């Protein structure tokens, strides 16, 4: 990264989730529990300054398509 991040600047991040056993995001199941996922991001610039961001992410389960006949 060159320089200090500017507020509102977007930095693309690619994260492969295959190695993790994740479930879809659930909200307010029978008014008992919710499941949420957060990414804790640490951005380090050239002068070793650290910038922290916690970002909530939502997971969806894809519907399985029926086998082709």
PDB file of N, CA and C in Angstrom:
ATOM      1  N   UNK A   1       0.838  -1.168   0.000  1.00  0.00           N
ATOM      2  CA  UNK A   1       0.000   0.000   0.000  1.00  0.00           C
ATOM      3  C   UNK A   1       0.881   1.228   0.000  1.00  0.00           C
ATOM      4  N   UNK A   2       0.554   2.208  -0.818  1.00  0.00           N
ATOM      5  CA  UNK A   2       1.310   3.452  -0.874  1.00  0.00           C
ATOM      6  C   UNK A   2       0.562   4.535  -0.121  1.00  0.00           C
ATOM      7  N   UNK A   3       1.156   5.063   0.936  1.00  0.00           N
ATOM      8  CA  UNK A   3       0.550   6.177   1.654  1.00  0.00           C
ATOM      9  C   UNK A   3      -0.528   5.748   2.633  1.00  0.00           C
ATOM     10  N   UNK A   4      -1.133   6.750   3.219  1.00  0.00           N
ATOM     11  CA  UNK A   4      -2.182   6.548   4.215  1.00  0.00           C
ATOM     12  C   UNK A   4      -3.518   6.290   3.532  1.00  0.00           C
ATOM     13  N   UNK A   5      -4.316   5.351   4.046  1.00  0.00           N
ATOM     14  CA  UNK A   5      -5.626   5.122   3.429  1.00  0.00           C
ATOM     15  C   UNK A   5      -6.533   6.338   3.620  1.00  0.00           C
ATOM     16  N   UNK A   6      -7.308   6.633   2.615  1.00  0.00           N
ATOM     17  CA  UNK A   6      -8.246   7.751   2.648  1.00  0.00           C
ATOM     18  C   UNK A   6      -9.603   7.202   3.059  1.00  0.00           C
ATOM     19  N   UNK A   7     -10.311   7.949   3.896  1.00  0.00           N
ATOM     20  CA  UNK A   7     -11.634   7.490   4.345  1.00  0.00           C
ATOM     21  C   UNK A   7     -12.525   7.256   3.127  1.00  0.00           C
ATOM     22  N   UNK A   8     -13.169   6.087   3.092  1.00  0.00           N
ATOM     23  CA  UNK A   8     -14.039   5.754   1.971  1.00  0.00           C
ATOM     24  C   UNK A   8     -13.318   5.033   0.838  1.00  0.00           C
ATOM     25  N   UNK A   9     -12.003   4.931   0.917  1.00  0.00           N
ATOM     26  CA  UNK A   9     -11.238   4.238  -0.120  1.00  0.00           C
ATOM     27  C   UNK A   9     -11.494   2.734  -0.009  1.00  0.00           C
ATOM     28  N   UNK A  10     -11.674   2.077  -1.139  1.00  0.00           N
ATOM     29  CA  UNK A  10     -11.916   0.632  -1.160  1.00  0.00           C
ATOM     30  C   UNK A  10     -10.642  -0.096  -1.532  1.00  0.00           C
ATOM     31  N   UNK A  11     -10.335  -1.137  -0.782  1.00  0.00           N
ATOM     32  CA  UNK A  11      -9.175  -1.972  -1.063  1.00  0.00           C
ATOM     33  C   UNK A  11      -9.697  -3.386  -1.266  1.00  0.00           C
ATOM     34  N   UNK A  12      -9.608  -3.912  -2.485  1.00  0.00           N
ATOM     35  CA  UNK A  12     -10.137  -5.262  -2.723  1.00  0.00           C
ATOM     36  C   UNK A  12      -9.307  -6.324  -1.996  1.00  0.00           C
ATOM     37  N   UNK A  13     -10.007  -7.283  -1.426  1.00  0.00           N
ATOM     38  CA  UNK A  13      -9.365  -8.378  -0.702  1.00  0.00           C
ATOM     39  C   UNK A  13      -9.983  -9.672  -1.195  1.00  0.00           C
ATOM     40  N   UNK A  14      -9.158 -10.650  -1.506  1.00  0.00           N
ATOM     41  CA  UNK A  14      -9.662 -11.969  -1.907  1.00  0.00           C
ATOM     42  C   UNK A  14      -9.367 -12.937  -0.773  1.00  0.00           C
ATOM     43  N   UNK A  15     -10.410 -13.591  -0.298  1.00  0.00           N
ATOM     44  CA  UNK A  15     -10.277 -14.527   0.808  1.00  0.00           C
ATOM     45  C   UNK A  15     -10.919 -15.843   0.392  1.00  0.00           C
ATOM     46  N   UNK A  16     -10.136 -16.896   0.358  1.00  0.00           N
ATOM     47  CA  UNK A  16     -10.650 -18.211  -0.011  1.00  0.00           C
ATOM     48  C   UNK A  16     -11.201 -18.886   1.247  1.00  0.00           C
ATOM     49  N   UNK A  17     -12.479 -19.246   1.222  1.00  0.00           N
ATOM     50  CA  UNK A  17     -13.145 -19.782   2.403  1.00  0.00           C
ATOM     51  C   UNK A  17     -13.259 -21.302   2.392  1.00  0.00           C
ATOM     52  N   UNK A  18     -12.760 -21.959   1.361  1.00  0.00           N
ATOM     53  CA  UNK A  18     -12.879 -23.412   1.256  1.00  0.00           C
ATOM     54  C   UNK A  18     -12.285 -24.148   2.457  1.00  0.00           C
ATOM     55  N   UNK A  19     -11.151 -23.725   3.007  1.00  0.00           N
ATOM     56  CA  UNK A  19     -10.581 -24.485   4.127  1.00  0.00           C
ATOM     57  C   UNK A  19     -11.379 -24.399   5.426  1.00  0.00           C
ATOM     58  N   UNK A  20     -12.379 -23.537   5.488  1.00  0.00           N
ATOM     59  CA  UNK A  20     -13.127 -23.330   6.725  1.00  0.00           C
ATOM     60  C   UNK A  20     -14.504 -23.975   6.636  1.00  0.00           C
ATOM     61  N   UNK A  21     -14.926 -24.603   7.721  1.00  0.00           N
ATOM     62  CA  UNK A  21     -16.267 -25.181   7.782  1.00  0.00           C
ATOM     63  C   UNK A  21     -17.215 -24.092   8.262  1.00  0.00           C
ATOM     64  N   UNK A  22     -17.918 -23.477   7.340  1.00  0.00           N
ATOM     65  CA  UNK A  22     -18.807 -22.372   7.661  1.00  0.00           C
ATOM     66  C   UNK A  22     -20.254 -22.764   7.408  1.00  0.00           C
ATOM     67  N   UNK A  23     -21.145 -22.161   8.147  1.00  0.00           N
ATOM     68  CA  UNK A  23     -22.576 -22.346   7.929  1.00  0.00           C
ATOM     69  C   UNK A  23     -23.151 -21.028   7.443  1.00  0.00           C
ATOM     70  N   UNK A  24     -24.349 -21.040   6.881  1.00  0.00           N
ATOM     71  CA  UNK A  24     -24.957 -19.772   6.472  1.00  0.00           C
ATOM     72  C   UNK A  24     -25.202 -18.876   7.687  1.00  0.00           C
ATOM     73  N   UNK A  25     -25.371 -17.601   7.432  1.00  0.00           N
ATOM     74  CA  UNK A  25     -25.687 -16.659   8.497  1.00  0.00           C
ATOM     75  C   UNK A  25     -27.141 -16.850   8.912  1.00  0.00           C
ATOM     76  N   UNK A  26     -27.369 -17.047  10.192  1.00  0.00           N
ATOM     77  CA  UNK A  26     -28.723 -17.206  10.723  1.00  0.00           C
ATOM     78  C   UNK A  26     -29.035 -16.014  11.610  1.00  0.00           C
ATOM     79  N   UNK A  27     -30.242 -15.519  11.498  1.00  0.00           N
ATOM     80  CA  UNK A  27     -30.643 -14.375  12.318  1.00  0.00           C
ATOM     81  C   UNK A  27     -31.889 -14.727  13.126  1.00  0.00           C
ATOM     82  N   UNK A  28     -31.774 -14.566  14.426  1.00  0.00           N
ATOM     83  CA  UNK A  28     -32.919 -14.637  15.333  1.00  0.00           C
ATOM     84  C   UNK A  28     -33.710 -15.939  15.173  1.00  0.00           C
ATOM     85  N   UNK A  29     -33.060 -17.063  15.325  1.00  0.00           N
ATOM     86  CA  UNK A  29     -33.711 -18.368  15.204  1.00  0.00           C
ATOM     87  C   UNK A  29     -34.542 -18.618  16.460  1.00  0.00           C
ATOM     88  N   UNK A  30     -35.864 -18.672  16.288  1.00  0.00           N
ATOM     89  CA  UNK A  30     -36.805 -18.875  17.403  1.00  0.00           C
ATOM     90  C   UNK A  30     -36.541 -17.915  18.564  1.00  0.00           C
ATOM     91  N   UNK A  31     -36.099 -16.725  18.253  1.00  0.00           N
ATOM     92  CA  UNK A  31     -35.765 -15.716  19.272  1.00  0.00           C
ATOM     93  C   UNK A  31     -34.748 -16.232  20.286  1.00  0.00           C
ATOM     94  N   UNK A  32     -33.874 -17.161  19.865  1.00  0.00           N
ATOM     95  CA  UNK A  32     -32.904 -17.741  20.794  1.00  0.00           C
ATOM     96  C   UNK A  32     -31.466 -17.434  20.426  1.00  0.00           C
ATOM     97  N   UNK A  33     -31.098 -17.496  19.161  1.00  0.00           N
ATOM     98  CA  UNK A  33     -29.698 -17.257  18.818  1.00  0.00           C
ATOM     99  C   UNK A  33     -29.572 -16.740  17.397  1.00  0.00           C
ATOM    100  N   UNK A  34     -28.427 -16.199  17.122  1.00  0.00           N
ATOM    101  CA  UNK A  34     -28.069 -15.738  15.785  1.00  0.00           C
ATOM    102  C   UNK A  34     -26.635 -16.169  15.514  1.00  0.00           C
ATOM    103  N   UNK A  35     -26.296 -16.355  14.252  1.00  0.00           N
ATOM    104  CA  UNK A  35     -24.927 -16.664  13.853  1.00  0.00           C
ATOM    105  C   UNK A  35     -24.473 -15.560  12.914  1.00  0.00           C
ATOM    106  N   UNK A  36     -23.389 -14.901  13.274  1.00  0.00           N
ATOM    107  CA  UNK A  36     -22.819 -13.849  12.435  1.00  0.00           C
ATOM    108  C   UNK A  36     -21.329 -14.109  12.299  1.00  0.00           C
ATOM    109  N   UNK A  37     -20.774 -13.682  11.174  1.00  0.00           N
ATOM    110  CA  UNK A  37     -19.342 -13.816  10.934  1.00  0.00           C
ATOM    111  C   UNK A  37     -18.733 -12.437  10.762  1.00  0.00           C
ATOM    112  N   UNK A  38     -17.531 -12.272  11.307  1.00  0.00           N
ATOM    113  CA  UNK A  38     -16.813 -11.006  11.194  1.00  0.00           C
ATOM    114  C   UNK A  38     -15.403 -11.273  10.691  1.00  0.00           C
ATOM    115  N   UNK A  39     -14.928 -10.389   9.831  1.00  0.00           N
ATOM    116  CA  UNK A  39     -13.526 -10.396   9.423  1.00  0.00           C
ATOM    117  C   UNK A  39     -12.826  -9.294  10.198  1.00  0.00           C
ATOM    118  N   UNK A  40     -11.722  -9.628  10.825  1.00  0.00           N
ATOM    119  CA  UNK A  40     -10.894  -8.621  11.473  1.00  0.00           C
ATOM    120  C   UNK A  40      -9.736  -8.328  10.527  1.00  0.00           C
ATOM    121  N   UNK A  41      -9.725  -7.140   9.975  1.00  0.00           N
ATOM    122  CA  UNK A  41      -8.724  -6.760   8.985  1.00  0.00           C
ATOM    123  C   UNK A  41      -7.696  -5.834   9.615  1.00  0.00           C
ATOM    124  N   UNK A  42      -6.430  -6.083   9.310  1.00  0.00           N
ATOM    125  CA  UNK A  42      -5.348  -5.207   9.754  1.00  0.00           C
ATOM    126  C   UNK A  42      -4.575  -4.800   8.514  1.00  0.00           C
ATOM    127  N   UNK A  43      -4.502  -3.516   8.278  1.00  0.00           N
ATOM    128  CA  UNK A  43      -3.795  -2.973   7.124  1.00  0.00           C
ATOM    129  C   UNK A  43      -2.516  -2.328   7.634  1.00  0.00           C
ATOM    130  N   UNK A  44      -1.368  -2.735   7.098  1.00  0.00           N
ATOM    131  CA  UNK A  44      -0.077  -2.199   7.528  1.00  0.00           C
ATOM    132  C   UNK A  44       0.518  -1.420   6.369  1.00  0.00           C
ATOM    133  N   UNK A  45       0.880  -0.150   6.615  1.00  0.00           N
ATOM    134  CA  UNK A  45       1.457   0.652   5.536  1.00  0.00           C
ATOM    135  C   UNK A  45       2.976   0.531   5.549  1.00  0.00           C
ATOM    136  N   UNK A  46       3.634   1.275   4.655  1.00  0.00           N
ATOM    137  CA  UNK A  46       5.090   1.176   4.497  1.00  0.00           C
ATOM    138  C   UNK A  46       5.854   1.634   5.729  1.00  0.00           C
ATOM    139  N   UNK A  47       5.234   2.434   6.570  1.00  0.00           N
ATOM    140  CA  UNK A  47       5.900   2.937   7.773  1.00  0.00           C
ATOM    141  C   UNK A  47       5.466   2.159   9.013  1.00  0.00           C
ATOM    142  N   UNK A  48       4.937   0.949   8.804  1.00  0.00           N
ATOM    143  CA  UNK A  48       4.491   0.045   9.869  1.00  0.00           C
ATOM    144  C   UNK A  48       3.376   0.616  10.737  1.00  0.00           C
ATOM    145  N   UNK A  49       2.603   1.533  10.205  1.00  0.00           N
ATOM    146  CA  UNK A  49       1.406   1.982  10.911  1.00  0.00           C
ATOM    147  C   UNK A  49       0.312   0.967  10.638  1.00  0.00           C
ATOM    148  N   UNK A  50      -0.510   0.709  11.625  1.00  0.00           N
ATOM    149  CA  UNK A  50      -1.557  -0.303  11.496  1.00  0.00           C
ATOM    150  C   UNK A  50      -2.926   0.351  11.541  1.00  0.00           C
ATOM    151  N   UNK A  51      -3.786  -0.101  10.656  1.00  0.00           N
ATOM    152  CA  UNK A  51      -5.164   0.373  10.582  1.00  0.00           C
ATOM    153  C   UNK A  51      -6.060  -0.844  10.746  1.00  0.00           C
ATOM    154  N   UNK A  52      -7.032  -0.748  11.627  1.00  0.00           N
ATOM    155  CA  UNK A  52      -7.878  -1.889  11.968  1.00  0.00           C
ATOM    156  C   UNK A  52      -9.305  -1.656  11.497  1.00  0.00           C
ATOM    157  N   UNK A  53      -9.933  -2.732  11.055  1.00  0.00           N
ATOM    158  CA  UNK A  53     -11.326  -2.663  10.608  1.00  0.00           C
ATOM    159  C   UNK A  53     -11.973  -4.006  10.914  1.00  0.00           C
ATOM    160  N   UNK A  54     -13.158  -3.969  11.489  1.00  0.00           N
ATOM    161  CA  UNK A  54     -13.938  -5.189  11.684  1.00  0.00           C
ATOM    162  C   UNK A  54     -15.139  -5.095  10.764  1.00  0.00           C
ATOM    163  N   UNK A  55     -15.301  -6.102   9.906  1.00  0.00           N
ATOM    164  CA  UNK A  55     -16.354  -6.080   8.896  1.00  0.00           C
ATOM    165  C   UNK A  55     -17.231  -7.314   9.045  1.00  0.00           C
ATOM    166  N   UNK A  56     -18.533  -7.103   9.195  1.00  0.00           N
ATOM    167  CA  UNK A  56     -19.467  -8.229   9.244  1.00  0.00           C
ATOM    168  C   UNK A  56     -19.688  -8.735   7.828  1.00  0.00           C
ATOM    169  N   UNK A  57     -19.684 -10.058   7.662  1.00  0.00           N
ATOM    170  CA  UNK A  57     -19.960 -10.646   6.352  1.00  0.00           C
ATOM    171  C   UNK A  57     -21.165 -11.573   6.489  1.00  0.00           C
ATOM    172  N   UNK A  58     -21.905 -11.722   5.410  1.00  0.00           N
ATOM    173  CA  UNK A  58     -23.087 -12.575   5.382  1.00  0.00           C
ATOM    174  C   UNK A  58     -22.822 -13.751   4.456  1.00  0.00           C
ATOM    175  N   UNK A  59     -23.127 -14.949   4.931  1.00  0.00           N
ATOM    176  CA  UNK A  59     -22.941 -16.168   4.140  1.00  0.00           C
ATOM    177  C   UNK A  59     -24.298 -16.679   3.680  1.00  0.00           C
ATOM    178  N   UNK A  60     -24.356 -17.141   2.450  1.00  0.00           N
ATOM    179  CA  UNK A  60     -25.566 -17.739   1.893  1.00  0.00           C
ATOM    180  C   UNK A  60     -25.241 -19.147   1.438  1.00  0.00           C
ATOM    181  N   UNK A  61     -26.204 -20.040   1.573  1.00  0.00           N
ATOM    182  CA  UNK A  61     -26.038 -21.403   1.061  1.00  0.00           C
ATOM    183  C   UNK A  61     -26.716 -21.465  -0.298  1.00  0.00           C
ATOM    184  N   UNK A  62     -25.984 -21.932  -1.300  1.00  0.00           N
ATOM    185  CA  UNK A  62     -26.553 -22.082  -2.638  1.00  0.00           C
ATOM    186  C   UNK A  62     -27.464 -23.297  -2.677  1.00  0.00           C
ATOM    187  N   UNK A  63     -28.571 -23.168  -3.366  1.00  0.00           N
ATOM    188  CA  UNK A  63     -29.453 -24.313  -3.551  1.00  0.00           C
ATOM    189  C   UNK A  63     -28.792 -25.280  -4.519  1.00  0.00           C
ATOM    190  N   UNK A  64     -28.831 -26.553  -4.169  1.00  0.00           N
ATOM    191  CA  UNK A  64     -28.246 -27.553  -5.053  1.00  0.00           C
ATOM    192  C   UNK A  64     -29.149 -27.744  -6.255  1.00  0.00           C
ATOM    193  N   UNK A  65     -28.558 -27.738  -7.428  1.00  0.00           N
ATOM    194  CA  UNK A  65     -29.350 -27.946  -8.640  1.00  0.00           C
ATOM    195  C   UNK A  65     -29.587 -29.445  -8.822  1.00  0.00           C
ATOM    196  N   UNK A  66     -30.760 -29.822  -9.340  1.00  0.00           N
ATOM    197  CA  UNK A  66     -31.046 -31.247  -9.553  1.00  0.00           C
ATOM    198  C   UNK A  66     -30.099 -31.810 -10.617  1.00  0.00           C
ATOM    199  N   UNK A  67     -29.758 -33.086 -10.491  1.00  0.00           N
ATOM    200  CA  UNK A  67     -28.844 -33.687 -11.474  1.00  0.00           C
ATOM    201  C   UNK A  67     -29.462 -33.685 -12.875  1.00  0.00           C
ATOM    202  N   UNK A  68     -28.624 -33.422 -13.860  1.00  0.00           N
ATOM    203  CA  UNK A  68     -29.095 -33.413 -15.257  1.00  0.00           C
ATOM    204  C   UNK A  68     -29.372 -34.841 -15.701  1.00  0.00           C
ATOM    205  N   UNK A  69     -30.466 -35.027 -16.432  1.00  0.00           N
ATOM    206  CA  UNK A  69     -30.802 -36.387 -16.885  1.00  0.00           C
ATOM    207  C   UNK A  69     -30.529 -36.558 -18.352  1.00  0.00           C
TER     208      UNK A  69
END
